[in-house]
Amino acid sequence: MRNAQLTIDPAFTIGAADRRLFGSFVEHMGRCVYGGIHEPGHPAADARGFRRDVLELTRELGVSVVRYPGGNFVSGYRWEDGVGPVGDRPRRLDLAWKTIETNAFGLGEFMAWATAAGVEPMMAVNLGTRGVQEACDLLEYANHPGGTRLSDLRREHGAEEPYGVRLWCLGNELDGPWQVGHKTADEYGRLAAETARAMKLIDPSISLVACGSSNRGMPTFASWEATVLTHTYEHVDYISAHTYYDPSDGDRASLLASAVDMDNFIREVVATADHVAAKLRQRRKLKISFDEWNVWYQSRLQADLDRRGWVEAPALIEDDFTAVDAVVVGDLLITLLRHADRVGVACQAQLANVIAPIRTRTGGPAWRQSIFHPFALTARYARGTVLRTEPVSPTYPTRKYGDVPVLDTVAVRDEETGELSVFAVNRGSADLPLDLDLRGLPGLRAREHHTLAAGADPAATNTEAEPERVTPRRLPTPTLDGGRCSVALPACSWNLLRFSTHDSASAPRGGTPDRMKGAQP
């Protein structure tokens, strides 16, 4: 295979690497909440029932914002059920996931957990079975200082100061016929616009996300966005996008090229939003909130739902992620960064147990799944300005996307620390020689090369018994000579190459020290 080539120049910028790109998602689904982040009586639980081991891993993961409480769950949720004394809260049927919701964990608990985790809360309002008034009531309860019935009720419940939630989703996936309260684009667009206007009368400082298509394959894709934004463009700040990539069919070549689909998805939503802006004579450029994305073995979901009746917090889609899945997740993060000028928020779904980077056993330990590692390292080192990269790469054939580049890259430069981080994925089945030209950034020195490679054992997973079977490893530091260097990217691998103008590598701002000692398949 011929060498791939990559030239990086600081003059060619995309935008700032917004910290909100490293978001996660907590939904009342399966064991994400109960047995995941919240488990009173667990040996690691604090006085509020929060699992401290999961809190530590959340901080290590580098999560910046967390979307709550759904997801499909929110389309039938009554937020009032989850406030006040826990003993007085009602048990409800959750129609989204066919479970019993105890409401032992609600708004106040989530806000306290978010503070403990050091994350920004992102709330979703129910526009499935409810509407304008209920959304306004929730906002008043959460954000108004006091002196009204609902804000004073929050204070009676122990939260003297407003929660100050800045990010709000106007419902969830209401284009989907599976959604409780499914609507047409016109029905949803009008309701979302009315809700947005009213919510911003209560708190003009908030940012609002309108529902985009549930995925790019929906029959109404693009026409849904066009109609919804025609109603809401002047009232919202983001349009949402959701996508999951399913490895179940065994088509590994296409799975490794999933970022090609995400890239096209983003470009098409941007084009649709800009078309509506032109039609409405709007100069403001709307951004995307990519607030659900991940690898997901979706074929397993229905079996999970069908095998039991109405129970509390059953195990749902607790996928064991492989080394290949981790490479795909790293590549999806590269794509989100590459669109940093138009993607302002992104949330990997979900945080704990449910297709998650963090797994737990009820009453037992918590551990990092394979997909934890590329997320944690990207969140830690993708700081500063995203630089445009145009790699020259060989291609390989895929069934779903045709011929795609073997190499995918993005670079982020931190002007404050003088560091350059290059993220690169080799989708191929052989090692890929890469020639880097960094002459546009004089004074750089090569510091580290981390890789998570799936070539030797693609199906390897991390389990409770072997929690560090799949982890990144450090390769020899490349030699940078006259602004040029050559590296070998292992077969089927995600890579982080770090450079710096300083004599020693700077410590990352935030996060925890790297963990690079585990075995690597």
Protein backbone atom coordinates (compact mmCIF):
# COMPACT_ATOMS: atom_id res chain seq x y z
CA MET A 1 0.00 0.00 0.00
CA ARG A 2 1.34 3.43 -0.95
CA ASN A 3 1.98 6.01 1.75
CA ALA A 4 -0.81 8.32 2.82
CA GLN A 5 0.06 12.01 3.10
CA LEU A 6 -1.18 14.76 5.36
CA THR A 7 -0.25 18.47 5.35
CA ILE A 8 -1.36 20.65 8.26
CA ASP A 9 -1.29 24.44 8.10
CA PRO A 10 -2.61 26.71 10.89
CA ALA A 11 -4.02 29.15 8.32
CA PHE A 12 -6.74 26.69 7.33
CA THR A 13 -9.15 26.65 10.25
CA ILE A 14 -12.66 25.24 10.68
CA GLY A 15 -13.72 26.57 14.07
CA ALA A 16 -13.34 26.17 17.80
CA ALA A 17 -13.57 22.69 19.29
CA ASP A 18 -16.62 23.43 21.46
CA ARG A 19 -16.55 21.50 24.73
CA ARG A 20 -20.22 20.66 24.17
CA LEU A 21 -19.13 18.28 21.40
CA PHE A 22 -18.16 15.82 24.14
CA GLY A 23 -21.59 15.30 25.58
CA SER A 24 -23.36 12.18 26.78
CA PHE A 25 -26.92 11.08 27.38
CA VAL A 26 -28.78 9.75 30.44
CA GLU A 27 -32.23 8.32 29.73
CA HIS A 28 -34.65 6.48 31.95
CA MET A 29 -34.06 3.31 29.95
CA GLY A 30 -32.81 -0.04 31.14
CA ARG A 31 -30.11 0.32 33.79
CA CYS A 32 -28.72 3.67 32.71
CA VAL A 33 -30.18 5.47 35.75
CA TYR A 34 -31.15 2.72 38.19
CA GLY A 35 -28.13 0.50 38.68
CA GLY A 36 -26.01 2.78 36.51
CA ILE A 37 -25.48 6.27 37.86
CA HIS A 38 -27.85 5.78 40.83
CA GLU A 39 -27.80 2.78 43.14
CA PRO A 40 -28.56 3.46 46.81
CA GLY A 41 -27.04 0.80 49.02
CA HIS A 42 -24.17 0.06 46.65
CA PRO A 43 -20.78 -0.06 48.43
CA ALA A 44 -19.60 2.86 46.27
CA ALA A 45 -22.78 4.94 46.64
CA ASP A 46 -22.73 8.29 48.40
CA ALA A 47 -25.47 9.56 50.71
CA ARG A 48 -27.61 10.53 47.69
CA GLY A 49 -27.34 7.10 46.10
CA PHE A 50 -24.93 8.21 43.36
CA ARG A 51 -22.36 5.58 42.46
CA ARG A 52 -19.01 7.25 43.08
CA ASP A 53 -17.20 4.79 40.82
CA VAL A 54 -19.43 5.86 37.92
CA LEU A 55 -18.96 9.53 38.82
CA GLU A 56 -15.18 9.05 38.69
CA LEU A 57 -15.38 7.35 35.32
CA THR A 58 -17.69 10.08 33.99
CA ARG A 59 -15.12 12.70 34.92
CA GLU A 60 -12.32 10.61 33.41
CA LEU A 61 -14.34 10.21 30.23
CA GLY A 62 -14.32 14.01 29.89
CA VAL A 63 -18.07 14.42 29.46
CA SER A 64 -19.08 18.07 29.16
CA VAL A 65 -22.88 18.06 28.83
CA VAL A 66 -25.52 15.39 29.54
CA ARG A 67 -28.93 15.22 27.89
CA TYR A 68 -31.82 14.12 30.17
CA PRO A 69 -34.34 12.45 30.69
CA GLY A 70 -34.70 11.09 27.13
CA GLY A 71 -34.90 9.98 24.45
CA ASN A 72 -38.16 8.19 23.74
CA PHE A 73 -38.86 8.22 27.47
CA VAL A 74 -39.47 11.98 27.52
CA SER A 75 -42.41 11.81 25.09
CA GLY A 76 -44.67 10.45 27.83
CA TYR A 77 -42.90 11.84 30.91
CA ARG A 78 -44.52 14.00 33.60
CA TRP A 79 -41.71 15.93 35.18
CA GLU A 80 -43.79 16.66 38.30
CA ASP A 81 -43.65 12.95 39.16
CA GLY A 82 -39.90 13.24 39.81
CA VAL A 83 -39.81 16.15 42.28
CA GLY A 84 -40.55 16.47 45.98
CA PRO A 85 -40.29 13.77 48.64
CA VAL A 86 -39.31 10.47 47.07
CA GLY A 87 -41.85 8.57 49.15
CA ASP A 88 -44.69 10.61 47.67
CA ARG A 89 -43.74 10.07 44.03
CA PRO A 90 -46.04 7.91 41.86
CA ARG A 91 -45.08 4.75 40.02
CA ARG A 92 -45.95 5.00 36.33
CA LEU A 93 -46.02 2.85 33.22
CA ASP A 94 -43.32 3.97 30.78
CA LEU A 95 -44.77 3.31 27.34
CA ALA A 96 -41.50 3.98 25.52
CA TRP A 97 -39.60 1.01 26.96
CA LYS A 98 -42.50 -0.98 28.48
CA THR A 99 -41.20 -0.68 32.03
CA ILE A 100 -42.35 0.63 35.39
CA GLU A 101 -40.85 3.99 36.30
CA THR A 102 -40.52 4.49 40.06
CA ASN A 103 -39.52 8.17 39.82
CA ALA A 104 -37.06 7.64 42.69
CA PHE A 105 -34.59 9.59 40.53
CA GLY A 106 -35.96 12.82 39.09
CA LEU A 107 -35.08 16.39 38.25
CA GLY A 108 -33.52 17.34 41.59
CA GLU A 109 -31.44 14.18 41.70
CA PHE A 110 -30.24 14.70 38.16
CA MET A 111 -29.20 18.30 38.85
CA ALA A 112 -27.32 17.21 41.97
CA TRP A 113 -25.67 14.38 40.02
CA ALA A 114 -24.69 16.77 37.20
CA THR A 115 -23.04 19.08 39.72
CA ALA A 116 -21.16 16.16 41.26
CA ALA A 117 -20.05 14.96 37.82
CA GLY A 118 -19.04 18.46 36.70
CA VAL A 119 -21.28 18.37 33.61
CA GLU A 120 -23.72 20.83 32.08
CA PRO A 121 -27.36 19.66 32.12
CA MET A 122 -29.32 19.53 28.85
CA MET A 123 -33.03 19.08 29.49
CA ALA A 124 -35.69 17.76 27.13
CA VAL A 125 -39.36 18.73 27.41
CA ASN A 126 -42.27 16.45 26.57
CA LEU A 127 -43.92 17.56 23.34
CA GLY A 128 -45.34 14.10 22.68
CA THR A 129 -48.24 13.89 25.14
CA ARG A 130 -47.90 17.43 26.52
CA GLY A 131 -47.39 20.93 25.19
CA VAL A 132 -46.61 24.60 25.74
CA GLN A 133 -47.86 25.01 29.30
CA GLU A 134 -46.11 21.96 30.71
CA ALA A 135 -42.82 23.02 29.11
CA CYS A 136 -43.17 26.49 30.58
CA ASP A 137 -43.99 25.05 33.99
CA LEU A 138 -40.82 22.95 33.96
CA LEU A 139 -38.71 25.95 32.92
CA GLU A 140 -40.25 28.12 35.64
CA TYR A 141 -39.58 25.44 38.24
CA ALA A 142 -35.99 24.97 37.08
CA ASN A 143 -34.78 28.47 36.22
CA HIS A 144 -36.93 31.18 37.82
CA PRO A 145 -35.35 32.64 40.98
CA GLY A 146 -38.45 32.67 43.18
CA GLY A 147 -41.64 34.44 44.05
CA THR A 148 -43.93 32.22 41.94
CA ARG A 149 -45.72 28.99 42.78
CA LEU A 150 -43.40 26.71 40.83
CA SER A 151 -40.11 28.44 41.60
CA ASP A 152 -41.05 28.54 45.29
CA LEU A 153 -41.95 24.86 45.06
CA ARG A 154 -38.39 24.14 43.88
CA ARG A 155 -37.09 26.01 46.90
CA GLU A 156 -39.39 24.00 49.18
CA HIS A 157 -37.87 20.90 47.61
CA GLY A 158 -34.42 22.01 48.76
CA ALA A 159 -33.01 23.90 45.77
CA GLU A 160 -32.86 27.51 46.92
CA GLU A 161 -31.00 28.71 43.82
CA PRO A 162 -32.29 28.21 40.26
CA TYR A 163 -30.82 25.31 38.33
CA GLY A 164 -29.98 27.67 35.47
CA VAL A 165 -30.38 25.10 32.68
CA ARG A 166 -29.20 26.72 29.44
CA LEU A 167 -29.83 23.95 26.88
CA TRP A 168 -33.34 22.64 26.16
CA CYS A 169 -34.59 20.08 23.61
CA LEU A 170 -38.09 20.68 22.23
CA GLY A 171 -39.16 17.04 22.36
CA ASN A 172 -37.53 13.97 20.88
CA GLU A 173 -37.76 12.17 17.51
CA LEU A 174 -41.37 13.15 16.90
CA ASP A 175 -41.01 12.22 13.23
CA GLY A 176 -40.84 8.57 14.29
CA PRO A 177 -44.05 6.48 14.30
CA TRP A 178 -42.66 4.59 17.32
CA GLN A 179 -42.79 7.80 19.34
CA VAL A 180 -45.58 8.41 21.83
CA GLY A 181 -47.23 11.52 20.40
CA HIS A 182 -45.82 11.08 16.86
CA LYS A 183 -46.57 14.13 14.71
CA THR A 184 -46.31 15.35 11.16
CA ALA A 185 -43.67 17.96 10.41
CA ASP A 186 -46.28 20.74 10.30
CA GLU A 187 -47.88 19.62 13.56
CA TYR A 188 -44.56 19.42 15.34
CA GLY A 189 -43.13 22.59 13.76
CA ARG A 190 -46.05 24.70 14.88
CA LEU A 191 -46.02 23.25 18.42
CA ALA A 192 -42.25 23.66 18.71
CA ALA A 193 -42.44 27.30 17.58
CA GLU A 194 -45.20 28.10 20.06
CA THR A 195 -43.30 26.38 22.86
CA ALA A 196 -40.05 28.13 21.96
CA ARG A 197 -41.65 31.57 21.97
CA ALA A 198 -43.22 30.99 25.35
CA MET A 199 -40.10 29.51 26.94
CA LYS A 200 -37.95 32.42 25.80
CA LEU A 201 -40.44 34.85 27.36
CA ILE A 202 -39.69 33.16 30.69
CA ASP A 203 -35.91 32.95 30.20
CA PRO A 204 -34.43 34.66 27.11
CA SER A 205 -30.96 33.28 27.91
CA ILE A 206 -31.78 29.67 27.05
CA SER A 207 -30.81 27.86 23.85
CA LEU A 208 -33.36 25.61 22.16
CA VAL A 209 -33.02 22.50 19.99
CA ALA A 210 -35.72 21.63 17.47
CA CYS A 211 -36.23 17.97 16.55
CA GLY A 212 -34.61 16.96 13.30
CA SER A 213 -35.06 13.57 11.70
CA SER A 214 -34.57 10.47 13.84
CA ASN A 215 -32.03 9.26 11.29
CA ARG A 216 -30.91 9.90 7.74
CA GLY A 217 -32.84 6.89 6.45
CA MET A 218 -36.27 8.22 7.46
CA PRO A 219 -38.61 8.60 4.45
CA THR A 220 -39.30 12.20 5.49
CA PHE A 221 -35.61 13.12 5.94
CA ALA A 222 -34.74 16.64 4.73
CA SER A 223 -38.39 17.50 4.04
CA TRP A 224 -38.99 17.17 7.80
CA GLU A 225 -36.10 19.55 8.56
CA ALA A 226 -37.26 22.01 5.90
CA THR A 227 -40.81 22.14 7.22
CA VAL A 228 -39.88 22.23 10.91
CA LEU A 229 -37.32 24.99 10.38
CA THR A 230 -39.74 27.03 8.31
CA HIS A 231 -41.86 27.18 11.48
CA THR A 232 -39.06 27.50 14.04
CA TYR A 233 -35.95 29.04 12.46
CA GLU A 234 -36.18 32.43 14.18
CA HIS A 235 -36.95 30.83 17.57
CA VAL A 236 -34.40 28.00 17.92
CA ASP A 237 -30.63 27.72 18.05
CA TYR A 238 -30.06 24.13 16.90
CA ILE A 239 -31.66 21.38 14.85
CA SER A 240 -31.04 17.88 16.17
CA ALA A 241 -29.56 14.89 14.35
CA HIS A 242 -29.49 11.26 15.52
CA THR A 243 -27.69 8.25 14.09
CA TYR A 244 -26.58 4.78 15.15
CA TYR A 245 -24.42 2.28 13.28
CA ASP A 246 -25.26 -1.40 13.60
CA PRO A 247 -22.45 -4.00 13.30
CA SER A 248 -24.91 -6.90 13.40
CA ASP A 249 -24.72 -7.75 9.68
CA GLY A 250 -21.01 -8.54 9.91
CA ASP A 251 -20.08 -6.04 7.16
CA ARG A 252 -16.94 -4.79 8.88
CA ALA A 253 -15.66 -2.81 5.90
CA SER A 254 -18.83 -0.70 5.80
CA LEU A 255 -18.97 -0.39 9.59
CA LEU A 256 -15.45 1.08 9.62
CA ALA A 257 -16.62 3.64 7.06
CA SER A 258 -19.65 4.74 9.13
CA ALA A 259 -18.18 8.23 9.46
CA VAL A 260 -18.71 8.67 5.71
CA ASP A 261 -22.44 8.42 6.34
CA MET A 262 -22.30 10.78 9.34
CA ASP A 263 -20.32 13.27 7.26
CA ASN A 264 -22.96 13.22 4.52
CA PHE A 265 -25.75 13.47 7.08
CA ILE A 266 -24.24 16.64 8.57
CA ARG A 267 -23.67 18.21 5.16
CA GLU A 268 -27.27 17.53 4.11
CA VAL A 269 -28.80 18.95 7.30
CA VAL A 270 -26.60 22.05 6.95
CA ALA A 271 -27.67 22.46 3.32
CA THR A 272 -31.34 22.17 4.28
CA ALA A 273 -31.00 24.65 7.14
CA ASP A 274 -29.18 27.12 4.90
CA HIS A 275 -31.88 26.75 2.24
CA VAL A 276 -34.55 27.66 4.81
CA ALA A 277 -32.41 30.57 6.03
CA ALA A 278 -32.17 31.90 2.48
CA LYS A 279 -35.90 31.50 1.94
CA LEU A 280 -36.69 33.35 5.19
CA ARG A 281 -33.95 35.98 4.63
CA GLN A 282 -32.25 34.88 7.85
CA ARG A 283 -28.56 35.78 8.12
CA ARG A 284 -27.91 33.67 11.22
CA LYS A 285 -26.39 30.24 10.57
CA LEU A 286 -28.20 27.54 12.53
CA LYS A 287 -26.10 24.85 14.19
CA ILE A 288 -26.65 21.13 14.65
CA SER A 289 -27.10 19.37 17.96
CA PHE A 290 -26.00 15.81 17.20
CA ASP A 291 -27.48 14.68 20.47
CA GLU A 292 -27.72 10.93 19.85
CA TRP A 293 -24.96 8.93 18.17
CA ASN A 294 -23.12 5.67 18.74
CA VAL A 295 -22.52 2.13 17.58
CA TRP A 296 -25.56 0.00 18.47
CA TYR A 297 -26.39 -3.66 17.81
CA GLN A 298 -30.00 -2.66 17.14
CA SER A 299 -31.23 -6.11 16.10
CA ARG A 300 -31.09 -7.14 19.77
CA LEU A 301 -33.52 -4.51 21.06
CA GLN A 302 -36.86 -6.11 20.20
CA ALA A 303 -35.83 -9.39 21.79
CA ASP A 304 -34.96 -7.46 24.96
CA LEU A 305 -38.37 -5.77 24.96
CA ASP A 306 -40.35 -8.93 24.20
CA ARG A 307 -38.80 -11.25 26.74
CA ARG A 308 -40.43 -9.79 29.85
CA GLY A 309 -43.43 -7.87 31.18
CA TRP A 310 -43.72 -4.58 33.05
CA VAL A 311 -40.74 -4.51 35.43
CA GLU A 312 -38.40 -1.93 36.94
CA ALA A 313 -35.08 -1.10 35.24
CA PRO A 314 -34.48 -4.31 33.25
CA ALA A 315 -31.22 -4.84 31.40
CA LEU A 316 -31.74 -3.35 27.93
CA ILE A 317 -29.24 -3.25 25.03
CA GLU A 318 -26.19 -3.69 27.24
CA ASP A 319 -23.96 -4.20 24.24
CA ASP A 320 -20.40 -5.46 24.69
CA PHE A 321 -18.34 -3.22 22.43
CA THR A 322 -15.43 -4.64 20.48
CA ALA A 323 -12.07 -3.21 19.51
CA VAL A 324 -13.50 -2.50 16.03
CA ASP A 325 -16.41 -0.62 17.58
CA ALA A 326 -13.91 1.58 19.42
CA VAL A 327 -12.16 2.47 16.15
CA VAL A 328 -15.55 3.42 14.66
CA VAL A 329 -16.43 5.60 17.65
CA GLY A 330 -13.06 7.36 17.36
CA ASP A 331 -13.77 8.04 13.68
CA LEU A 332 -17.24 9.44 14.42
CA LEU A 333 -15.60 11.86 16.86
CA ILE A 334 -13.21 12.91 14.09
CA THR A 335 -16.22 13.70 11.89
CA LEU A 336 -17.94 15.76 14.58
CA LEU A 337 -14.75 17.80 15.07
CA ARG A 338 -14.36 18.25 11.33
CA HIS A 339 -17.74 20.01 11.33
CA ALA A 340 -17.03 22.13 14.40
CA ASP A 341 -18.19 25.23 12.53
CA ARG A 342 -21.75 23.85 12.29
CA VAL A 343 -22.04 21.14 14.96
CA GLY A 344 -22.23 22.88 18.33
CA VAL A 345 -23.48 20.08 20.59
CA ALA A 346 -23.03 16.30 20.42
CA CYS A 347 -24.13 13.59 22.86
CA GLN A 348 -23.01 9.99 22.70
CA ALA A 349 -25.90 7.74 23.75
CA GLN A 350 -25.85 6.61 26.50
CA LEU A 351 -23.55 7.05 29.51
CA ALA A 352 -23.96 3.89 31.60
CA ASN A 353 -24.95 0.31 30.67
CA VAL A 354 -27.30 1.14 27.76
CA ILE A 355 -25.04 1.05 24.65
CA ALA A 356 -22.58 2.83 26.88
CA PRO A 357 -18.87 3.47 27.44
CA ILE A 358 -19.35 2.67 31.14
CA ARG A 359 -20.70 -0.69 32.31
CA THR A 360 -21.68 -1.71 35.82
CA ARG A 361 -22.87 -4.75 37.69
CA THR A 362 -25.64 -4.10 40.20
CA GLY A 363 -23.96 -4.38 43.56
CA GLY A 364 -20.61 -4.90 41.85
CA PRO A 365 -17.89 -3.02 39.97
CA ALA A 366 -17.91 -0.54 37.10
CA TRP A 367 -15.56 -0.77 34.13
CA ARG A 368 -14.57 0.97 30.90
CA GLN A 369 -15.80 -0.45 27.62
CA SER A 370 -13.55 -0.30 24.56
CA ILE A 371 -15.36 2.79 23.23
CA PHE A 372 -14.52 4.67 26.43
CA HIS A 373 -10.93 5.21 25.41
CA PRO A 374 -11.08 7.13 22.10
CA PHE A 375 -13.78 9.36 23.60
CA ALA A 376 -11.74 10.10 26.74
CA LEU A 377 -8.54 10.91 24.85
CA THR A 378 -10.31 13.02 22.22
CA ALA A 379 -12.19 14.98 24.89
CA ARG A 380 -8.92 15.55 26.74
CA TYR A 381 -6.76 16.69 23.84
CA ALA A 382 -9.12 18.18 21.23
CA ARG A 383 -8.82 21.67 22.66
CA GLY A 384 -8.43 24.88 20.73
CA THR A 385 -9.00 25.40 17.01
CA VAL A 386 -9.93 22.63 14.61
CA LEU A 387 -7.71 22.73 11.51
CA ARG A 388 -8.80 21.60 8.07
CA THR A 389 -7.01 18.48 6.86
CA GLU A 390 -7.10 17.13 3.31
CA PRO A 391 -5.28 13.78 3.48
CA VAL A 392 -4.10 11.98 0.38
CA SER A 393 -5.06 8.38 0.95
CA PRO A 394 -5.55 5.07 -0.82
CA THR A 395 -9.12 3.79 -0.91
CA TYR A 396 -10.86 0.49 -0.24
CA PRO A 397 -14.26 -0.87 -1.36
CA THR A 398 -17.37 -1.06 0.84
CA ARG A 399 -20.80 -2.48 0.13
CA LYS A 400 -22.70 0.49 1.57
CA TYR A 401 -20.58 3.49 0.61
CA GLY A 402 -18.54 2.44 -2.41
CA ASP A 403 -14.82 3.24 -2.42
CA VAL A 404 -13.82 5.20 0.68
CA PRO A 405 -10.49 6.57 1.94
CA VAL A 406 -8.49 4.24 4.13
CA LEU A 407 -7.33 7.25 6.19
CA ASP A 408 -9.55 9.71 8.06
CA THR A 409 -8.08 12.62 10.03
CA VAL A 410 -8.63 15.85 11.88
CA ALA A 411 -6.21 18.14 13.73
CA VAL A 412 -6.74 20.48 16.68
CA ARG A 413 -4.31 23.21 17.69
CA ASP A 414 -4.24 24.63 21.20
CA GLU A 415 -2.75 28.11 20.86
CA GLU A 416 -2.46 28.52 24.64
CA THR A 417 -0.26 25.48 25.22
CA GLY A 418 1.41 25.29 21.81
CA GLU A 419 0.13 21.75 21.31
CA LEU A 420 -1.11 20.09 18.15
CA SER A 421 -3.21 16.92 18.34
CA VAL A 422 -3.71 14.87 15.20
CA PHE A 423 -6.46 12.24 15.30
CA ALA A 424 -6.21 9.59 12.59
CA VAL A 425 -8.05 6.37 11.77
CA ASN A 426 -6.69 3.63 9.55
CA ARG A 427 -9.76 1.77 8.30
CA GLY A 428 -7.67 -0.73 6.35
CA SER A 429 -6.63 -4.29 7.12
CA ALA A 430 -2.89 -3.52 6.80
CA ASP A 431 -0.54 -1.06 8.46
CA LEU A 432 -0.68 2.36 6.77
CA PRO A 433 2.50 4.46 6.36
CA LEU A 434 1.65 8.14 6.85
CA ASP A 435 3.86 11.08 5.88
CA LEU A 436 3.08 14.26 7.84
CA ASP A 437 4.10 17.73 6.68
CA LEU A 438 4.00 20.15 9.62
CA ARG A 439 6.28 22.84 8.19
CA GLY A 440 3.51 25.40 8.60
CA LEU A 441 3.89 25.01 12.36
CA PRO A 442 7.58 25.71 13.04
CA GLY A 443 9.10 24.72 16.36
CA LEU A 444 6.96 21.64 16.93
CA ARG A 445 8.41 18.56 18.54
CA ALA A 446 6.85 15.09 18.45
CA ARG A 447 5.63 13.98 21.89
CA GLU A 448 3.43 10.88 21.80
CA HIS A 449 1.71 8.37 19.57
CA HIS A 450 -1.21 6.52 21.13
CA THR A 451 -3.10 3.83 19.25
CA LEU A 452 -6.07 1.58 19.82
CA ALA A 453 -5.71 -1.15 17.21
CA ALA A 454 -8.20 -3.88 16.39
CA GLY A 455 -6.17 -5.74 13.80
CA ALA A 456 -4.96 -8.65 15.94
CA ASP A 457 -8.25 -9.40 17.73
CA PRO A 458 -11.14 -7.38 16.25
CA ALA A 459 -13.80 -9.00 18.44
CA ALA A 460 -11.98 -8.36 21.74
CA THR A 461 -14.12 -6.73 24.44
CA ASN A 462 -13.69 -5.47 27.97
CA THR A 463 -15.63 -7.42 30.58
CA GLU A 464 -15.94 -7.48 34.33
CA ALA A 465 -13.42 -10.32 34.37
CA GLU A 466 -11.06 -8.63 31.86
CA PRO A 467 -11.76 -4.88 32.16
CA GLU A 468 -8.55 -3.79 30.41
CA ARG A 469 -8.30 -6.23 27.54
CA VAL A 470 -8.89 -3.40 25.03
CA THR A 471 -7.02 -0.21 25.92
CA PRO A 472 -4.82 2.25 24.02
CA ARG A 473 -1.10 1.65 23.97
CA ARG A 474 1.78 4.01 23.39
CA LEU A 475 3.93 3.51 20.29
CA PRO A 476 7.46 4.87 19.82
CA THR A 477 7.49 8.64 19.46
CA PRO A 478 7.97 9.58 15.81
CA THR A 479 10.97 11.60 14.70
CA LEU A 480 10.18 15.09 13.40
CA ASP A 481 12.88 16.37 11.06
CA GLY A 482 12.58 19.71 9.31
CA GLY A 483 8.84 19.80 9.94
CA ARG A 484 8.28 16.37 8.43
CA CYS A 485 7.80 12.94 9.96
CA SER A 486 6.61 9.48 9.01
CA VAL A 487 4.57 7.14 11.17
CA ALA A 488 2.96 3.74 10.70
CA LEU A 489 -0.70 3.54 11.65
CA PRO A 490 -1.50 -0.05 12.70
CA ALA A 491 -4.15 -1.98 10.80
CA CYS A 492 -7.72 -1.08 11.75
CA SER A 493 -6.73 1.51 14.34
CA TRP A 494 -7.59 4.82 15.96
CA ASN A 495 -4.57 7.02 16.65
CA LEU A 496 -3.63 10.18 18.53
CA LEU A 497 -0.38 11.95 17.55
CA ARG A 498 0.67 14.77 19.85
CA PHE A 499 3.15 17.54 19.07
CA SER A 500 4.21 20.54 21.10
CA THR A 501 6.39 23.64 20.90
CA HIS A 502 7.50 23.08 24.49
CA ASP A 503 10.41 21.03 25.75
CA SER A 504 8.09 18.68 27.60
CA ALA A 505 4.54 17.68 26.86
CA SER A 506 2.07 19.91 28.65
CA ALA A 507 -0.37 18.36 31.07
CA PRO A 508 -3.91 18.40 29.72
CA ARG A 509 -6.31 20.92 31.18
CA GLY A 510 -8.85 18.94 33.17
CA GLY A 511 -9.44 15.22 33.16
CA THR A 512 -7.26 12.61 34.78
CA PRO A 513 -3.87 11.17 33.85
CA ASP A 514 -3.74 8.88 30.84
CA ARG A 515 -4.12 5.17 31.41
CA MET A 516 -1.92 3.43 28.91
CA LYS A 517 -0.75 0.31 30.72
CA GLY A 518 -3.41 -2.24 29.75
CA ALA A 519 -2.92 -5.01 27.24
CA GLN A 520 -3.82 -4.26 23.65
CA PRO A 521 -5.24 -6.74 21.17
